[in-house]
Amino acid sequence: MTTVQDILCFLEQMVPSALAESWDNVGLLAGERAQKVDKVLCALDITEQVVAEAAECGAQVVVAHHPVIFTSVSRVTADTATGRTLLAAIRHGISLICMHTNADCAQGGVNDALAAALGLSEVRSMEAGENGMLGRVGELPHAMQPRAFAMYVKERLAAGGVRFCDGGQSIHRVAVGGGACGKMMDAAVAKGAQAFVIGDCSYDLMQRAQTLGLTLVDAGHFPTENPMTAVFARQIADAFPQLAVSASVRHRDCIEFV
């Protein structure tokens, strides 16, 4: 019999909680460790829709990247989205496991998944974080000009759209940082990258990148981190072949483009 604790222990080996930033909230955030598990659903976020999907497919566990409980929660009621999500999970006996900044830092985690999604080779860590290595840098299959590279990123990540600044250089080495990683721009340049792919980029970062000759591509928070969902699903399925494991088919980027 496989239990919630078994799944949690495996994930702790895959992306150790010791790698999480001090302000983060990771691990088992709701549920019972001794609960029997037959099915697992993986997603980037745990939303009301994801919990409903888990309930409908009979999953006892949802494994996600972003913590469902992050800022202080003083009450769990149907008055808030977080409250409704937690109430639904508890009502259906669904345990919730979240692996956030530990998955950002770990080998084989978010940034390796992003590098793989972009087809990078010779991938290596970019800089040291609080408890692990943040960001990755690798080589493109072939050199691209900035606009063509931006289109390549959009297609590879199935993004609704991307924003970019033209760094004025042909691109063959690319740095990546899933989510809001603009603070690592100098490390990307130091590693010899001609392009840096992140999510959640401000105007001033775009301006600064262009002055540095760096093509900065803002592909969005969801598209740059969602490749980890498939990694979670594949790794759990490989470790527990007796389980039915799937990635959410309902969870989508909340940002749309017109």
C-alpha atoms as a PDB file:
ATOM      1  CA  MET A   1       0.000   0.000   0.000  1.00  0.00           C
ATOM      2  CA  THR A   2       1.243   3.479  -0.937  1.00  0.00           C
ATOM      3  CA  THR A   3       0.508   6.335   1.447  1.00  0.00           C
ATOM      4  CA  VAL A   4       0.667  10.117   1.376  1.00  0.00           C
ATOM      5  CA  GLN A   5       3.790   9.853   3.514  1.00  0.00           C
ATOM      6  CA  ASP A   6       5.430   7.621   0.879  1.00  0.00           C
ATOM      7  CA  ILE A   7       4.773  10.244  -1.802  1.00  0.00           C
ATOM      8  CA  LEU A   8       6.050  12.998   0.479  1.00  0.00           C
ATOM      9  CA  CYS A   9       9.249  11.096   1.333  1.00  0.00           C
ATOM     10  CA  PHE A  10       9.951  10.513  -2.354  1.00  0.00           C
ATOM     11  CA  LEU A  11       9.460  14.203  -3.177  1.00  0.00           C
ATOM     12  CA  GLU A  12      11.716  15.163  -0.246  1.00  0.00           C
ATOM     13  CA  GLN A  13      14.458  13.084  -1.846  1.00  0.00           C
ATOM     14  CA  MET A  14      13.791  14.572  -5.265  1.00  0.00           C
ATOM     15  CA  VAL A  15      13.620  18.226  -4.141  1.00  0.00           C
ATOM     16  CA  PRO A  16      14.727  18.380  -0.481  1.00  0.00           C
ATOM     17  CA  SER A  17      12.836  20.853   1.699  1.00  0.00           C
ATOM     18  CA  ALA A  18      16.198  21.970   3.117  1.00  0.00           C
ATOM     19  CA  LEU A  19      16.726  23.772  -0.207  1.00  0.00           C
ATOM     20  CA  ALA A  20      13.653  25.950   0.291  1.00  0.00           C
ATOM     21  CA  GLU A  21      14.101  29.624   1.060  1.00  0.00           C
ATOM     22  CA  SER A  22      13.532  30.574   4.724  1.00  0.00           C
ATOM     23  CA  TRP A  23      10.294  32.463   3.933  1.00  0.00           C
ATOM     24  CA  ASP A  24       8.752  29.593   1.972  1.00  0.00           C
ATOM     25  CA  ASN A  25       6.049  27.071   2.933  1.00  0.00           C
ATOM     26  CA  VAL A  26       6.624  23.602   1.481  1.00  0.00           C
ATOM     27  CA  GLY A  27       5.749  19.973   2.131  1.00  0.00           C
ATOM     28  CA  LEU A  28       2.406  18.490   3.191  1.00  0.00           C
ATOM     29  CA  LEU A  29       0.127  21.510   3.663  1.00  0.00           C
ATOM     30  CA  ALA A  30      -3.162  19.643   4.160  1.00  0.00           C
ATOM     31  CA  GLY A  31      -4.160  16.029   4.602  1.00  0.00           C
ATOM     32  CA  GLU A  32      -3.280  12.811   6.406  1.00  0.00           C
ATOM     33  CA  ARG A  33       0.105  11.125   6.100  1.00  0.00           C
ATOM     34  CA  ALA A  34      -1.325   7.623   6.585  1.00  0.00           C
ATOM     35  CA  GLN A  35      -3.953   7.980   3.852  1.00  0.00           C
ATOM     36  CA  LYS A  36      -3.864   5.304   1.152  1.00  0.00           C
ATOM     37  CA  VAL A  37      -3.046   6.611  -2.329  1.00  0.00           C
ATOM     38  CA  ASP A  38      -4.143   5.124  -5.664  1.00  0.00           C
ATOM     39  CA  LYS A  39      -4.099   8.239  -7.841  1.00  0.00           C
ATOM     40  CA  VAL A  40      -2.033  11.441  -7.906  1.00  0.00           C
ATOM     41  CA  LEU A  41      -2.758  14.656  -9.781  1.00  0.00           C
ATOM     42  CA  CYS A  42       0.033  17.175 -10.490  1.00  0.00           C
ATOM     43  CA  ALA A  43      -0.399  20.891 -11.224  1.00  0.00           C
ATOM     44  CA  LEU A  44       1.471  24.173 -11.002  1.00  0.00           C
ATOM     45  CA  ASP A  45      -1.094  25.666  -8.604  1.00  0.00           C
ATOM     46  CA  ILE A  46      -3.738  24.163  -6.341  1.00  0.00           C
ATOM     47  CA  THR A  47      -6.933  26.004  -7.259  1.00  0.00           C
ATOM     48  CA  GLU A  48     -10.605  25.244  -6.742  1.00  0.00           C
ATOM     49  CA  GLN A  49     -10.689  23.883 -10.291  1.00  0.00           C
ATOM     50  CA  VAL A  50      -7.698  21.608  -9.706  1.00  0.00           C
ATOM     51  CA  VAL A  51      -9.218  20.195  -6.508  1.00  0.00           C
ATOM     52  CA  ALA A  52     -12.484  19.571  -8.378  1.00  0.00           C
ATOM     53  CA  GLU A  53     -10.533  17.781 -11.107  1.00  0.00           C
ATOM     54  CA  ALA A  54      -8.759  15.660  -8.484  1.00  0.00           C
ATOM     55  CA  ALA A  55     -12.071  14.749  -6.855  1.00  0.00           C
ATOM     56  CA  GLU A  56     -13.619  13.784 -10.194  1.00  0.00           C
ATOM     57  CA  CYS A  57     -10.703  11.550 -11.223  1.00  0.00           C
ATOM     58  CA  GLY A  58     -10.455   9.978  -7.761  1.00  0.00           C
ATOM     59  CA  ALA A  59      -7.015  11.325  -6.826  1.00  0.00           C
ATOM     60  CA  GLN A  60      -6.118  11.275  -3.131  1.00  0.00           C
ATOM     61  CA  VAL A  61      -3.134  13.636  -3.536  1.00  0.00           C
ATOM     62  CA  VAL A  62      -2.425  16.816  -5.471  1.00  0.00           C
ATOM     63  CA  VAL A  63       1.262  17.656  -5.930  1.00  0.00           C
ATOM     64  CA  ALA A  64       1.948  21.258  -6.931  1.00  0.00           C
ATOM     65  CA  HIS A  65       4.732  23.806  -7.193  1.00  0.00           C
ATOM     66  CA  HIS A  66       3.128  26.924  -5.695  1.00  0.00           C
ATOM     67  CA  PRO A  67       2.047  26.653  -2.035  1.00  0.00           C
ATOM     68  CA  VAL A  68      -1.709  26.676  -1.561  1.00  0.00           C
ATOM     69  CA  ILE A  69      -1.075  28.234   1.880  1.00  0.00           C
ATOM     70  CA  PHE A  70       1.528  30.958   1.470  1.00  0.00           C
ATOM     71  CA  THR A  71       0.687  34.204   3.213  1.00  0.00           C
ATOM     72  CA  SER A  72      -0.765  34.031   6.717  1.00  0.00           C
ATOM     73  CA  VAL A  73      -4.132  32.241   6.824  1.00  0.00           C
ATOM     74  CA  SER A  74      -6.062  33.102   9.970  1.00  0.00           C
ATOM     75  CA  ARG A  75      -9.298  31.332   9.040  1.00  0.00           C
ATOM     76  CA  VAL A  76     -10.544  28.729   6.554  1.00  0.00           C
ATOM     77  CA  THR A  77     -13.979  29.728   5.289  1.00  0.00           C
ATOM     78  CA  ALA A  78     -15.867  29.729   2.002  1.00  0.00           C
ATOM     79  CA  ASP A  79     -15.419  33.518   1.886  1.00  0.00           C
ATOM     80  CA  THR A  80     -12.032  33.267   0.140  1.00  0.00           C
ATOM     81  CA  ALA A  81     -10.631  31.256  -2.763  1.00  0.00           C
ATOM     82  CA  THR A  82      -7.985  29.717  -0.488  1.00  0.00           C
ATOM     83  CA  GLY A  83     -10.628  28.790   2.063  1.00  0.00           C
ATOM     84  CA  ARG A  84     -12.871  27.204  -0.561  1.00  0.00           C
ATOM     85  CA  THR A  85      -9.947  25.277  -2.021  1.00  0.00           C
ATOM     86  CA  LEU A  86      -8.901  23.913   1.366  1.00  0.00           C
ATOM     87  CA  LEU A  87     -12.462  23.085   2.377  1.00  0.00           C
ATOM     88  CA  ALA A  88     -13.031  21.169  -0.860  1.00  0.00           C
ATOM     89  CA  ALA A  89      -9.780  19.246  -0.465  1.00  0.00           C
ATOM     90  CA  ILE A  90     -10.601  18.292   3.108  1.00  0.00           C
ATOM     91  CA  ARG A  91     -14.197  17.406   2.197  1.00  0.00           C
ATOM     92  CA  HIS A  92     -12.990  15.012  -0.529  1.00  0.00           C
ATOM     93  CA  GLY A  93     -10.092  13.601   1.494  1.00  0.00           C
ATOM     94  CA  ILE A  94      -7.467  15.020  -0.847  1.00  0.00           C
ATOM     95  CA  SER A  95      -4.000  15.714   0.564  1.00  0.00           C
ATOM     96  CA  LEU A  96      -2.060  18.713  -0.749  1.00  0.00           C
ATOM     97  CA  ILE A  97       1.725  18.666  -1.199  1.00  0.00           C
ATOM     98  CA  CYS A  98       3.636  21.726  -2.451  1.00  0.00           C
ATOM     99  CA  MET A  99       7.294  21.918  -3.472  1.00  0.00           C
ATOM    100  CA  HIS A 100       8.219  25.523  -4.244  1.00  0.00           C
ATOM    101  CA  THR A 101      11.658  27.165  -3.918  1.00  0.00           C
ATOM    102  CA  ASN A 102      13.206  23.791  -3.111  1.00  0.00           C
ATOM    103  CA  ALA A 103      12.089  22.702  -6.596  1.00  0.00           C
ATOM    104  CA  ASP A 104      13.543  25.949  -7.999  1.00  0.00           C
ATOM    105  CA  CYS A 105      16.986  25.147  -6.574  1.00  0.00           C
ATOM    106  CA  ALA A 106      17.166  21.359  -6.868  1.00  0.00           C
ATOM    107  CA  GLN A 107      18.916  19.494  -9.652  1.00  0.00           C
ATOM    108  CA  GLY A 108      16.208  18.215 -11.958  1.00  0.00           C
ATOM    109  CA  GLY A 109      13.815  20.892 -10.697  1.00  0.00           C
ATOM    110  CA  VAL A 110      12.026  23.874 -12.229  1.00  0.00           C
ATOM    111  CA  ASN A 111      15.001  25.444 -13.986  1.00  0.00           C
ATOM    112  CA  ASP A 112      16.260  22.174 -15.430  1.00  0.00           C
ATOM    113  CA  ALA A 113      12.710  21.490 -16.650  1.00  0.00           C
ATOM    114  CA  LEU A 114      12.641  24.941 -18.286  1.00  0.00           C
ATOM    115  CA  ALA A 115      16.065  24.415 -19.891  1.00  0.00           C
ATOM    116  CA  ALA A 116      14.908  21.045 -21.238  1.00  0.00           C
ATOM    117  CA  ALA A 117      11.684  22.568 -22.596  1.00  0.00           C
ATOM    118  CA  LEU A 118      13.819  25.065 -24.548  1.00  0.00           C
ATOM    119  CA  GLY A 119      16.046  22.300 -25.901  1.00  0.00           C
ATOM    120  CA  LEU A 120      19.213  23.587 -24.226  1.00  0.00           C
ATOM    121  CA  SER A 121      22.319  21.405 -23.999  1.00  0.00           C
ATOM    122  CA  GLU A 122      25.397  21.531 -21.754  1.00  0.00           C
ATOM    123  CA  VAL A 123      23.169  22.901 -18.992  1.00  0.00           C
ATOM    124  CA  ARG A 124      24.822  24.133 -15.810  1.00  0.00           C
ATOM    125  CA  SER A 125      23.892  26.166 -12.740  1.00  0.00           C
ATOM    126  CA  MET A 126      24.016  29.948 -12.935  1.00  0.00           C
ATOM    127  CA  GLU A 127      24.439  31.238  -9.382  1.00  0.00           C
ATOM    128  CA  ALA A 128      24.177  30.250  -5.715  1.00  0.00           C
ATOM    129  CA  GLY A 129      20.995  31.045  -3.803  1.00  0.00           C
ATOM    130  CA  GLU A 130      20.189  30.902  -0.095  1.00  0.00           C
ATOM    131  CA  ASN A 131      20.174  27.099  -0.012  1.00  0.00           C
ATOM    132  CA  GLY A 132      21.003  25.903  -3.506  1.00  0.00           C
ATOM    133  CA  MET A 133      21.790  26.774  -7.102  1.00  0.00           C
ATOM    134  CA  LEU A 134      19.445  29.171  -8.894  1.00  0.00           C
ATOM    135  CA  GLY A 135      18.963  29.472 -12.637  1.00  0.00           C
ATOM    136  CA  ARG A 136      20.514  27.507 -15.468  1.00  0.00           C
ATOM    137  CA  VAL A 137      22.520  28.366 -18.559  1.00  0.00           C
ATOM    138  CA  GLY A 138      22.901  26.223 -21.664  1.00  0.00           C
ATOM    139  CA  GLU A 139      23.433  26.142 -25.407  1.00  0.00           C
ATOM    140  CA  LEU A 140      20.788  26.418 -28.132  1.00  0.00           C
ATOM    141  CA  PRO A 141      20.682  23.786 -30.881  1.00  0.00           C
ATOM    142  CA  HIS A 142      21.691  26.567 -33.300  1.00  0.00           C
ATOM    143  CA  ALA A 143      22.208  30.330 -33.173  1.00  0.00           C
ATOM    144  CA  MET A 144      19.146  32.567 -33.516  1.00  0.00           C
ATOM    145  CA  GLN A 145      18.461  36.247 -33.892  1.00  0.00           C
ATOM    146  CA  PRO A 146      16.520  37.878 -31.006  1.00  0.00           C
ATOM    147  CA  ARG A 147      13.073  38.037 -32.631  1.00  0.00           C
ATOM    148  CA  ALA A 148      13.317  34.483 -33.940  1.00  0.00           C
ATOM    149  CA  PHE A 149      14.433  33.357 -30.491  1.00  0.00           C
ATOM    150  CA  ALA A 150      11.470  35.065 -28.835  1.00  0.00           C
ATOM    151  CA  MET A 151       9.122  33.210 -31.199  1.00  0.00           C
ATOM    152  CA  TYR A 152      10.981  29.981 -30.456  1.00  0.00           C
ATOM    153  CA  VAL A 153      10.444  30.483 -26.709  1.00  0.00           C
ATOM    154  CA  LYS A 154       6.744  31.201 -27.243  1.00  0.00           C
ATOM    155  CA  GLU A 155       6.280  28.005 -29.232  1.00  0.00           C
ATOM    156  CA  ARG A 156       8.365  25.735 -27.001  1.00  0.00           C
ATOM    157  CA  LEU A 157       6.567  26.893 -23.831  1.00  0.00           C
ATOM    158  CA  ALA A 158       3.106  27.105 -25.426  1.00  0.00           C
ATOM    159  CA  ALA A 159       2.886  30.659 -24.111  1.00  0.00           C
ATOM    160  CA  GLY A 160       0.011  32.934 -25.084  1.00  0.00           C
ATOM    161  CA  GLY A 161       2.589  35.591 -25.892  1.00  0.00           C
ATOM    162  CA  VAL A 162       6.030  36.819 -24.874  1.00  0.00           C
ATOM    163  CA  ARG A 163       7.628  40.241 -24.366  1.00  0.00           C
ATOM    164  CA  PHE A 164      11.262  40.791 -25.219  1.00  0.00           C
ATOM    165  CA  CYS A 165      13.952  43.375 -25.761  1.00  0.00           C
ATOM    166  CA  ASP A 166      16.448  42.985 -28.584  1.00  0.00           C
ATOM    167  CA  GLY A 167      19.964  42.781 -27.154  1.00  0.00           C
ATOM    168  CA  GLY A 168      21.502  43.203 -30.612  1.00  0.00           C
ATOM    169  CA  GLN A 169      23.445  39.939 -30.582  1.00  0.00           C
ATOM    170  CA  SER A 170      23.061  36.571 -32.221  1.00  0.00           C
ATOM    171  CA  ILE A 171      22.004  34.107 -29.505  1.00  0.00           C
ATOM    172  CA  HIS A 172      23.610  30.752 -28.872  1.00  0.00           C
ATOM    173  CA  ARG A 173      23.928  30.674 -25.062  1.00  0.00           C
ATOM    174  CA  VAL A 174      20.756  31.112 -23.010  1.00  0.00           C
ATOM    175  CA  ALA A 175      20.186  31.653 -19.289  1.00  0.00           C
ATOM    176  CA  VAL A 176      16.845  30.669 -17.760  1.00  0.00           C
ATOM    177  CA  GLY A 177      15.063  31.385 -14.495  1.00  0.00           C
ATOM    178  CA  GLY A 178      11.526  30.150 -13.966  1.00  0.00           C
ATOM    179  CA  GLY A 179       9.243  32.812 -12.508  1.00  0.00           C
ATOM    180  CA  ALA A 180      10.439  36.206 -11.292  1.00  0.00           C
ATOM    181  CA  CYS A 181      14.222  35.935 -11.641  1.00  0.00           C
ATOM    182  CA  GLY A 182      15.216  39.357 -12.957  1.00  0.00           C
ATOM    183  CA  LYS A 183      17.658  39.791 -10.078  1.00  0.00           C
ATOM    184  CA  MET A 184      19.881  37.170 -11.729  1.00  0.00           C
ATOM    185  CA  MET A 185      20.486  39.249 -14.854  1.00  0.00           C
ATOM    186  CA  ASP A 186      24.095  40.078 -13.965  1.00  0.00           C
ATOM    187  CA  ALA A 187      24.831  36.392 -13.383  1.00  0.00           C
ATOM    188  CA  ALA A 188      23.374  35.584 -16.814  1.00  0.00           C
ATOM    189  CA  VAL A 189      25.676  38.128 -18.442  1.00  0.00           C
ATOM    190  CA  ALA A 190      28.649  36.877 -16.423  1.00  0.00           C
ATOM    191  CA  LYS A 191      27.991  33.351 -17.719  1.00  0.00           C
ATOM    192  CA  GLY A 192      28.241  34.624 -21.295  1.00  0.00           C
ATOM    193  CA  ALA A 193      24.526  34.364 -22.130  1.00  0.00           C
ATOM    194  CA  GLN A 194      23.197  36.456 -25.000  1.00  0.00           C
ATOM    195  CA  ALA A 195      19.592  35.844 -23.870  1.00  0.00           C
ATOM    196  CA  PHE A 196      17.790  35.379 -20.561  1.00  0.00           C
ATOM    197  CA  VAL A 197      14.333  33.790 -20.321  1.00  0.00           C
ATOM    198  CA  ILE A 198      12.255  34.577 -17.220  1.00  0.00           C
ATOM    199  CA  GLY A 199       8.676  35.298 -16.126  1.00  0.00           C
ATOM    200  CA  ASP A 200       7.311  38.521 -14.565  1.00  0.00           C
ATOM    201  CA  CYS A 201       9.602  41.196 -15.981  1.00  0.00           C
ATOM    202  CA  SER A 202       9.382  44.943 -15.335  1.00  0.00           C
ATOM    203  CA  TYR A 203      10.024  47.742 -17.829  1.00  0.00           C
ATOM    204  CA  ASP A 204      13.207  48.887 -16.092  1.00  0.00           C
ATOM    205  CA  LEU A 205      14.644  45.370 -16.326  1.00  0.00           C
ATOM    206  CA  MET A 206      14.012  45.355 -20.064  1.00  0.00           C
ATOM    207  CA  GLN A 207      15.754  48.716 -20.405  1.00  0.00           C
ATOM    208  CA  ARG A 208      18.749  47.574 -18.397  1.00  0.00           C
ATOM    209  CA  ALA A 209      19.037  44.292 -20.289  1.00  0.00           C
ATOM    210  CA  GLN A 210      19.152  46.128 -23.597  1.00  0.00           C
ATOM    211  CA  THR A 211      21.958  48.397 -22.377  1.00  0.00           C
ATOM    212  CA  LEU A 212      23.883  45.219 -21.459  1.00  0.00           C
ATOM    213  CA  GLY A 213      23.378  43.705 -24.916  1.00  0.00           C
ATOM    214  CA  LEU A 214      21.166  40.974 -23.428  1.00  0.00           C
ATOM    215  CA  THR A 215      17.962  39.790 -25.101  1.00  0.00           C
ATOM    216  CA  LEU A 216      15.543  39.477 -22.193  1.00  0.00           C
ATOM    217  CA  VAL A 217      12.440  37.372 -22.841  1.00  0.00           C
ATOM    218  CA  ASP A 218       9.500  37.589 -20.454  1.00  0.00           C
ATOM    219  CA  ALA A 219       7.600  34.382 -21.233  1.00  0.00           C
ATOM    220  CA  GLY A 220       5.301  34.645 -18.216  1.00  0.00           C
ATOM    221  CA  HIS A 221       5.284  33.049 -14.782  1.00  0.00           C
ATOM    222  CA  PHE A 222       3.024  30.123 -15.679  1.00  0.00           C
ATOM    223  CA  PRO A 223       4.753  29.070 -18.941  1.00  0.00           C
ATOM    224  CA  THR A 224       8.261  29.226 -17.450  1.00  0.00           C
ATOM    225  CA  GLU A 225       7.358  27.094 -14.419  1.00  0.00           C
ATOM    226  CA  ASN A 226       4.651  24.781 -15.739  1.00  0.00           C
ATOM    227  CA  PRO A 227       7.154  22.346 -17.341  1.00  0.00           C
ATOM    228  CA  MET A 228       7.795  21.168 -13.763  1.00  0.00           C
ATOM    229  CA  THR A 229       4.251  19.756 -13.608  1.00  0.00           C
ATOM    230  CA  ALA A 230       5.102  17.064 -16.161  1.00  0.00           C
ATOM    231  CA  VAL A 231       8.384  16.352 -14.353  1.00  0.00           C
ATOM    232  CA  PHE A 232       6.572  15.780 -11.051  1.00  0.00           C
ATOM    233  CA  ALA A 233       4.096  13.464 -12.790  1.00  0.00           C
ATOM    234  CA  ARG A 234       6.778  11.484 -14.621  1.00  0.00           C
ATOM    235  CA  GLN A 235       9.045  11.084 -11.591  1.00  0.00           C
ATOM    236  CA  ILE A 236       6.203   9.968  -9.303  1.00  0.00           C
ATOM    237  CA  ALA A 237       4.912   7.529 -11.937  1.00  0.00           C
ATOM    238  CA  ASP A 238       8.386   6.032 -12.363  1.00  0.00           C
ATOM    239  CA  ALA A 239       8.872   5.667  -8.610  1.00  0.00           C
ATOM    240  CA  PHE A 240       5.363   4.263  -7.989  1.00  0.00           C
ATOM    241  CA  PRO A 241       4.327   2.253 -11.068  1.00  0.00           C
ATOM    242  CA  GLN A 242       1.307   0.922  -9.171  1.00  0.00           C
ATOM    243  CA  LEU A 243      -0.219   4.409  -9.031  1.00  0.00           C
ATOM    244  CA  ALA A 244      -2.247   6.297 -11.634  1.00  0.00           C
ATOM    245  CA  VAL A 245      -0.451   9.639 -12.026  1.00  0.00           C
ATOM    246  CA  SER A 246      -1.490  12.491 -14.300  1.00  0.00           C
ATOM    247  CA  ALA A 247      -0.910  16.186 -14.921  1.00  0.00           C
ATOM    248  CA  SER A 248      -3.864  18.544 -14.652  1.00  0.00           C
ATOM    249  CA  VAL A 249      -5.663  19.160 -17.934  1.00  0.00           C
ATOM    250  CA  ARG A 250      -7.770  22.009 -16.550  1.00  0.00           C
ATOM    251  CA  HIS A 251      -5.175  24.279 -15.005  1.00  0.00           C
ATOM    252  CA  ARG A 252      -4.305  27.127 -17.344  1.00  0.00           C
ATOM    253  CA  ASP A 253      -2.403  30.393 -17.241  1.00  0.00           C
ATOM    254  CA  CYS A 254      -4.671  33.080 -15.758  1.00  0.00           C
ATOM    255  CA  ILE A 255      -3.073  35.655 -18.102  1.00  0.00           C
ATOM    256  CA  GLU A 256      -4.501  35.938 -21.618  1.00  0.00           C
ATOM    257  CA  PHE A 257      -3.417  37.915 -24.665  1.00  0.00           C
ATOM    258  CA  VAL A 258      -5.516  39.775 -27.248  1.00  0.00           C
END
